[in-house]
């Protein structure tokens, strides 16, 4: 096990290094001048030249790359060309809103998708099973941005039931000081006991969380159904039924517990996928997270910000991939 984990960590480090090389190379071949972006549109030639020295762009490419690697190892992702603030500081500012959206979306995926898959397997080939399978395929296949637009049109545009934009309404933001303990507004409002902020934040997060949750709902439902159908035909399940045990006990205690392995592994990888999938959702719903940050960075050619988000996403995906591999190997049946 230790050798396997060390090998996977080394492979993950190699993947991250390749990502760094690719992103660094792309920022150097795109026909734009970061120094000119740093000093602004009305800068003189002298100011641009001074900015090139300040940013280290006057040094050879290999020297720049070596310095960039050293800075990354020290947690320094450079400075934004637009705001002149450290990229690491800005990422920490926008990341909590994205994490909160991912957590809520994953939570919905688990509490909806797994029961759907469980009862779908229990009622195989019934009308409920057919509806669940159809819904699961649609949840996985339909683009999340299309679902987001439809939800926005129906529940905000036509019915006016739910708000869009920001994490709280303007009135609540003006009347109350928003708590900032963990960065997760729902959790912070519960910690401080401010139910007004909690209810308002919950109403704002429902619409963007639903399209984000569709993929894990469909995926976990399909994986749970597939795993359960295989387990329900095992000899120990047949033996349990022959002993006269209740079907509910067999389903929840014996079968469901043994089907969680593949589902948990898939959900772990799904969380990493949601980190990228949430960007477009955030833009559609004006959610103040990483999606807005990377969108503004792309439009303004803010290369340090773009590279910072790319490295953070790559690191998250690699770490969750490693966790999924370890969880899979921890299954005694796979190890055997």
Protein backbone atom coordinates (compact mmCIF):
# COMPACT_ATOMS: atom_id res chain seq x y z
CA UNK A 1 0.00 0.00 0.00
CA UNK A 2 2.78 2.43 0.92
CA UNK A 3 4.62 1.77 -2.33
CA UNK A 4 1.43 2.28 -4.32
CA UNK A 5 0.67 5.59 -2.61
CA UNK A 6 4.24 6.85 -3.09
CA UNK A 7 4.11 5.88 -6.77
CA UNK A 8 0.80 7.67 -7.26
CA UNK A 9 2.14 10.78 -5.50
CA UNK A 10 5.17 10.82 -7.81
CA UNK A 11 2.94 10.45 -10.87
CA UNK A 12 0.71 13.27 -9.59
CA UNK A 13 3.76 15.52 -9.08
CA UNK A 14 4.88 14.77 -12.64
CA UNK A 15 1.41 15.68 -13.96
CA UNK A 16 1.44 18.98 -12.06
CA UNK A 17 4.92 19.78 -13.37
CA UNK A 18 3.71 19.15 -16.92
CA UNK A 19 0.75 21.46 -16.29
CA UNK A 20 3.11 24.18 -15.05
CA UNK A 21 5.28 23.82 -18.14
CA UNK A 22 2.30 24.02 -20.49
CA UNK A 23 0.71 27.05 -18.82
CA UNK A 24 4.04 28.88 -18.57
CA UNK A 25 4.78 28.22 -22.24
CA UNK A 26 1.34 29.39 -23.37
CA UNK A 27 1.66 32.67 -21.51
CA UNK A 28 4.97 33.34 -23.21
CA UNK A 29 3.82 32.66 -26.79
CA UNK A 30 0.52 34.59 -26.69
CA UNK A 31 1.07 37.88 -28.59
CA UNK A 32 0.54 40.36 -25.76
CA UNK A 33 2.82 42.29 -23.42
CA UNK A 34 2.27 41.69 -19.68
CA UNK A 35 4.41 44.74 -18.86
CA UNK A 36 2.09 47.01 -20.85
CA UNK A 37 -0.89 45.46 -19.10
CA UNK A 38 0.79 46.09 -15.74
CA UNK A 39 1.33 49.84 -16.24
CA UNK A 40 -1.94 50.57 -18.07
CA UNK A 41 -3.01 51.76 -21.54
CA UNK A 42 -1.44 55.25 -21.37
CA UNK A 43 2.03 54.23 -20.21
CA UNK A 44 5.19 55.56 -21.80
CA UNK A 45 7.95 53.39 -23.26
CA UNK A 46 10.09 54.07 -20.17
CA UNK A 47 7.35 52.92 -17.84
CA UNK A 48 6.84 49.73 -19.85
CA UNK A 49 10.59 49.04 -19.79
CA UNK A 50 10.68 49.57 -16.02
CA UNK A 51 7.71 47.21 -15.63
CA UNK A 52 9.50 44.53 -17.66
CA UNK A 53 12.41 44.73 -15.23
CA UNK A 54 10.08 44.66 -12.21
CA UNK A 55 8.24 41.58 -13.53
CA UNK A 56 11.48 39.86 -14.53
CA UNK A 57 10.49 39.72 -18.21
CA UNK A 58 13.92 41.04 -19.25
CA UNK A 59 15.59 37.83 -18.07
CA UNK A 60 16.01 34.66 -20.19
CA UNK A 61 13.00 32.36 -20.37
CA UNK A 62 14.72 29.53 -18.47
CA UNK A 63 15.59 31.94 -15.64
CA UNK A 64 11.97 33.12 -15.54
CA UNK A 65 10.76 29.53 -15.42
CA UNK A 66 13.13 28.61 -12.62
CA UNK A 67 12.02 31.62 -10.60
CA UNK A 68 8.38 30.77 -11.27
CA UNK A 69 8.88 27.21 -9.97
CA UNK A 70 10.65 28.52 -6.87
CA UNK A 71 7.85 30.98 -6.19
CA UNK A 72 5.20 28.26 -6.57
CA UNK A 73 7.00 26.04 -4.06
CA UNK A 74 6.82 28.96 -1.61
CA UNK A 75 3.10 29.52 -2.29
CA UNK A 76 3.70 32.65 -4.36
CA UNK A 77 1.67 32.73 -7.59
CA UNK A 78 2.77 36.22 -8.57
CA UNK A 79 0.81 39.45 -8.79
CA UNK A 80 -2.29 40.22 -10.81
CA UNK A 81 -1.54 42.42 -13.81
CA UNK A 82 -4.81 44.31 -13.27
CA UNK A 83 -5.20 44.73 -9.51
CA UNK A 84 -1.49 44.45 -8.62
CA UNK A 85 -2.50 42.25 -5.69
CA UNK A 86 -1.00 38.81 -4.92
CA UNK A 87 -2.84 36.12 -6.87
CA UNK A 88 -2.76 33.82 -3.83
CA UNK A 89 -4.57 36.46 -1.79
CA UNK A 90 -7.23 36.93 -4.47
CA UNK A 91 -7.75 33.18 -4.82
CA UNK A 92 -8.32 32.90 -1.08
CA UNK A 93 -10.88 35.69 -1.39
CA UNK A 94 -12.93 34.05 -4.16
CA UNK A 95 -12.42 30.37 -3.31
CA UNK A 96 -14.83 30.06 -0.31
CA UNK A 97 -17.88 31.01 -2.40
CA UNK A 98 -16.98 28.35 -4.96
CA UNK A 99 -16.33 25.74 -2.27
CA UNK A 100 -19.69 26.47 -0.67
CA UNK A 101 -21.44 25.97 -4.00
CA UNK A 102 -19.55 22.71 -4.62
CA UNK A 103 -20.35 21.41 -1.12
CA UNK A 104 -24.06 22.11 -1.49
CA UNK A 105 -24.12 20.60 -5.00
CA UNK A 106 -22.31 17.46 -3.82
CA UNK A 107 -24.61 17.19 -0.81
CA UNK A 108 -27.66 17.30 -3.07
CA UNK A 109 -26.05 14.74 -5.35
CA UNK A 110 -25.54 12.32 -2.45
CA UNK A 111 -28.89 12.65 -0.70
CA UNK A 112 -30.84 12.45 -3.97
CA UNK A 113 -28.73 10.28 -6.26
CA UNK A 114 -27.92 7.39 -3.91
CA UNK A 115 -31.54 6.78 -2.75
CA UNK A 116 -32.68 6.98 -6.37
CA UNK A 117 -30.17 4.33 -7.38
CA UNK A 118 -31.05 2.18 -4.38
CA UNK A 119 -34.81 2.10 -4.98
CA UNK A 120 -34.26 1.81 -8.70
CA UNK A 121 -32.27 -1.39 -8.15
CA UNK A 122 -34.81 -2.65 -5.65
CA UNK A 123 -37.66 -2.16 -8.15
CA UNK A 124 -35.79 -3.35 -11.23
CA UNK A 125 -37.71 -3.04 -14.53
CA UNK A 126 -40.61 -1.27 -12.85
CA UNK A 127 -41.99 2.08 -13.99
CA UNK A 128 -40.05 3.75 -11.16
CA UNK A 129 -36.83 2.12 -12.37
CA UNK A 130 -37.42 3.28 -15.95
CA UNK A 131 -38.10 6.86 -14.82
CA UNK A 132 -34.98 6.88 -12.63
CA UNK A 133 -32.80 5.54 -15.43
CA UNK A 134 -34.18 8.10 -17.86
CA UNK A 135 -33.62 10.89 -15.35
CA UNK A 136 -30.08 9.69 -14.58
CA UNK A 137 -29.09 9.66 -18.24
CA UNK A 138 -30.56 13.12 -18.72
CA UNK A 139 -28.85 14.49 -15.60
CA UNK A 140 -25.46 13.27 -16.83
CA UNK A 141 -25.96 14.19 -20.49
CA UNK A 142 -27.63 17.62 -20.43
CA UNK A 143 -25.20 20.57 -20.27
CA UNK A 144 -25.21 22.19 -16.86
CA UNK A 145 -25.27 25.69 -18.35
CA UNK A 146 -28.49 24.87 -20.27
CA UNK A 147 -30.12 23.57 -17.09
CA UNK A 148 -28.94 26.72 -15.30
CA UNK A 149 -30.46 28.99 -17.94
CA UNK A 150 -33.78 27.11 -17.86
CA UNK A 151 -33.95 27.26 -14.06
CA UNK A 152 -33.12 30.95 -14.12
CA UNK A 153 -35.80 31.60 -16.73
CA UNK A 154 -38.50 29.63 -14.89
CA UNK A 155 -37.90 30.24 -11.19
CA UNK A 156 -36.53 33.78 -11.43
CA UNK A 157 -37.89 35.19 -14.68
CA UNK A 158 -41.39 33.69 -14.83
CA UNK A 159 -42.31 32.68 -11.28
CA UNK A 160 -40.07 35.03 -9.28
CA UNK A 161 -39.68 32.46 -6.51
CA UNK A 162 -35.89 32.48 -6.15
CA UNK A 163 -33.27 35.24 -6.52
CA UNK A 164 -30.13 35.25 -8.65
CA UNK A 165 -26.92 37.20 -8.27
CA UNK A 166 -24.52 37.41 -5.32
CA UNK A 167 -24.68 35.30 -2.15
CA UNK A 168 -27.20 37.49 -0.29
CA UNK A 169 -29.71 40.16 -1.24
CA UNK A 170 -28.73 43.82 -1.24
CA UNK A 171 -31.05 44.59 1.68
CA UNK A 172 -29.53 41.90 3.91
CA UNK A 173 -26.02 42.95 2.93
CA UNK A 174 -26.74 46.52 3.98
CA UNK A 175 -28.59 45.72 7.21
CA UNK A 176 -26.26 43.05 8.60
CA UNK A 177 -22.53 42.49 8.87
CA UNK A 178 -21.88 39.26 7.02
CA UNK A 179 -19.90 36.84 9.22
CA UNK A 180 -16.52 35.72 7.92
CA UNK A 181 -15.27 32.83 10.05
CA UNK A 182 -14.76 29.98 7.58
CA UNK A 183 -15.69 31.83 4.39
CA UNK A 184 -18.72 29.55 3.97
CA UNK A 185 -21.62 31.95 4.47
CA UNK A 186 -24.22 29.30 5.32
CA UNK A 187 -22.00 27.77 7.97
CA UNK A 188 -20.84 31.11 9.36
CA UNK A 189 -24.40 32.39 9.71
CA UNK A 190 -25.33 29.23 11.63
CA UNK A 191 -22.29 29.62 13.89
CA UNK A 192 -23.21 33.21 14.68
CA UNK A 193 -26.90 32.33 15.02
CA UNK A 194 -28.06 34.83 12.37
CA UNK A 195 -30.95 33.00 10.76
CA UNK A 196 -31.90 35.99 8.59
CA UNK A 197 -28.60 35.76 6.74
CA UNK A 198 -28.82 31.95 6.66
CA UNK A 199 -32.30 31.92 5.08
CA UNK A 200 -31.36 34.59 2.55
CA UNK A 201 -28.09 32.85 1.63
CA UNK A 202 -29.92 29.53 1.30
CA UNK A 203 -32.44 31.05 -1.13
CA UNK A 204 -29.60 32.50 -3.21
CA UNK A 205 -27.63 29.25 -3.42
CA UNK A 206 -30.51 26.96 -4.43
CA UNK A 207 -30.66 27.88 -8.12
CA UNK A 208 -26.91 27.68 -8.87
CA UNK A 209 -26.54 24.51 -6.79
CA UNK A 210 -29.22 22.51 -8.65
CA UNK A 211 -27.55 22.45 -12.11
CA UNK A 212 -24.23 21.76 -10.43
CA UNK A 213 -25.80 18.82 -8.56
CA UNK A 214 -27.36 17.22 -11.64
CA UNK A 215 -24.19 15.43 -12.72
CA UNK A 216 -23.44 13.84 -9.32
CA UNK A 217 -27.12 12.96 -8.93
CA UNK A 218 -27.21 11.09 -12.22
CA UNK A 219 -23.79 9.52 -11.84
CA UNK A 220 -24.28 8.36 -8.25
CA UNK A 221 -27.74 6.98 -9.07
CA UNK A 222 -26.39 4.94 -11.98
CA UNK A 223 -23.37 3.69 -10.02
CA UNK A 224 -25.49 2.76 -6.98
CA UNK A 225 -28.04 0.93 -9.12
CA UNK A 226 -25.37 -0.98 -11.02
CA UNK A 227 -23.47 -1.98 -7.88
CA UNK A 228 -26.64 -3.02 -6.03
CA UNK A 229 -27.94 -5.14 -8.90
CA UNK A 230 -24.70 -7.07 -8.84
CA UNK A 231 -24.67 -7.44 -5.05
CA UNK A 232 -28.34 -8.46 -4.79
CA UNK A 233 -27.50 -11.59 -6.82
CA UNK A 234 -24.68 -12.63 -4.47
CA UNK A 235 -24.96 -15.88 -2.53
CA UNK A 236 -24.96 -14.21 0.91
CA UNK A 237 -27.98 -12.07 -0.11
CA UNK A 238 -29.83 -15.17 -1.30
CA UNK A 239 -28.92 -16.90 1.97
CA UNK A 240 -30.17 -13.93 4.01
CA UNK A 241 -33.47 -14.05 2.18
CA UNK A 242 -33.75 -17.77 2.76
CA UNK A 243 -33.38 -17.14 6.51
CA UNK A 244 -36.48 -14.95 6.34
CA UNK A 245 -34.78 -11.63 7.02
CA UNK A 246 -36.76 -8.54 6.15
CA UNK A 247 -36.09 -7.11 2.71
CA UNK A 248 -35.49 -3.65 4.18
CA UNK A 249 -32.78 -5.06 6.46
CA UNK A 250 -31.13 -6.92 3.59
CA UNK A 251 -31.22 -3.88 1.35
CA UNK A 252 -29.91 -1.25 3.78
CA UNK A 253 -27.57 -3.27 6.01
CA UNK A 254 -26.13 -6.02 3.84
CA UNK A 255 -26.39 -4.86 0.22
CA UNK A 256 -26.18 -1.08 0.45
CA UNK A 257 -23.09 -1.08 2.67
CA UNK A 258 -21.15 -3.21 0.20
CA UNK A 259 -22.21 -1.09 -2.76
CA UNK A 260 -20.80 2.15 -1.38
CA UNK A 261 -17.22 1.48 -2.52
CA UNK A 262 -17.62 2.24 -6.24
CA UNK A 263 -20.09 5.05 -5.54
CA UNK A 264 -17.81 6.85 -3.08
CA UNK A 265 -14.90 6.54 -5.50
CA UNK A 266 -16.92 8.05 -8.32
CA UNK A 267 -18.26 10.85 -6.11
CA UNK A 268 -14.72 11.72 -5.04
CA UNK A 269 -13.75 12.29 -8.66
CA UNK A 270 -17.00 14.14 -9.26
CA UNK A 271 -16.07 16.75 -6.63
CA UNK A 272 -12.91 17.56 -8.58
CA UNK A 273 -14.92 17.80 -11.79
CA UNK A 274 -17.37 20.21 -10.17
CA UNK A 275 -14.54 22.65 -9.46
CA UNK A 276 -14.30 23.25 -13.21
CA UNK A 277 -18.01 22.86 -13.92
CA UNK A 278 -18.92 25.53 -11.40
CA UNK A 279 -17.09 28.29 -13.30
CA UNK A 280 -19.73 28.66 -16.00
CA UNK A 281 -22.56 28.29 -13.48
CA UNK A 282 -21.09 31.14 -11.46
CA UNK A 283 -20.97 33.39 -14.51
CA UNK A 284 -24.62 32.66 -15.35
CA UNK A 285 -25.83 33.35 -11.80
CA UNK A 286 -23.35 36.18 -11.04
CA UNK A 287 -21.97 34.11 -8.18
CA UNK A 288 -18.92 35.81 -6.59
CA UNK A 289 -16.56 32.86 -6.83
CA UNK A 290 -13.70 31.52 -8.92
CA UNK A 291 -15.81 31.59 -12.07
CA UNK A 292 -16.14 35.37 -11.96
CA UNK A 293 -12.45 35.71 -11.12
CA UNK A 294 -11.20 33.56 -14.00
CA UNK A 295 -13.70 35.15 -16.39
CA UNK A 296 -12.42 38.64 -15.66
CA UNK A 297 -8.82 37.38 -15.83
CA UNK A 298 -9.35 35.88 -19.30
CA UNK A 299 -11.02 39.02 -20.65
CA UNK A 300 -8.17 41.21 -19.36
CA UNK A 301 -5.33 38.79 -20.28
CA UNK A 302 -4.29 38.63 -16.63
CA UNK A 303 -1.81 35.76 -17.06
CA UNK A 304 -0.75 35.32 -13.40
CA UNK A 305 -4.40 35.05 -12.35
CA UNK A 306 -5.17 32.59 -15.17
CA UNK A 307 -2.16 30.46 -14.27
CA UNK A 308 -3.08 30.58 -10.57
CA UNK A 309 -6.61 29.30 -11.18
CA UNK A 310 -5.30 26.66 -13.62
CA UNK A 311 -2.74 25.37 -11.13
CA UNK A 312 -5.28 25.35 -8.29
CA UNK A 313 -7.74 23.41 -10.45
CA UNK A 314 -5.06 20.98 -11.60
CA UNK A 315 -3.86 20.45 -8.03
CA UNK A 316 -7.41 19.84 -6.79
CA UNK A 317 -8.16 17.36 -9.57
CA UNK A 318 -4.87 15.53 -8.96
CA UNK A 319 -5.42 15.33 -5.20
CA UNK A 320 -8.99 14.04 -5.54
CA UNK A 321 -7.82 11.55 -8.17
CA UNK A 322 -5.21 10.31 -5.72
CA UNK A 323 -7.82 10.04 -2.95
CA UNK A 324 -10.14 8.09 -5.27
CA UNK A 325 -7.35 5.65 -6.15
CA UNK A 326 -6.51 5.12 -2.48
CA UNK A 327 -10.17 4.57 -1.57
CA UNK A 328 -10.48 2.03 -4.36
CA UNK A 329 -7.39 0.13 -3.25
CA UNK A 330 -8.61 0.08 0.37
CA UNK A 331 -11.42 -2.23 -0.78
CA UNK A 332 -10.30 -5.71 0.43
CA UNK A 333 -11.75 -7.34 -2.67
CA UNK A 334 -9.59 -5.21 -4.95
CA UNK A 335 -6.51 -5.68 -2.81
CA UNK A 336 -7.01 -9.45 -2.91
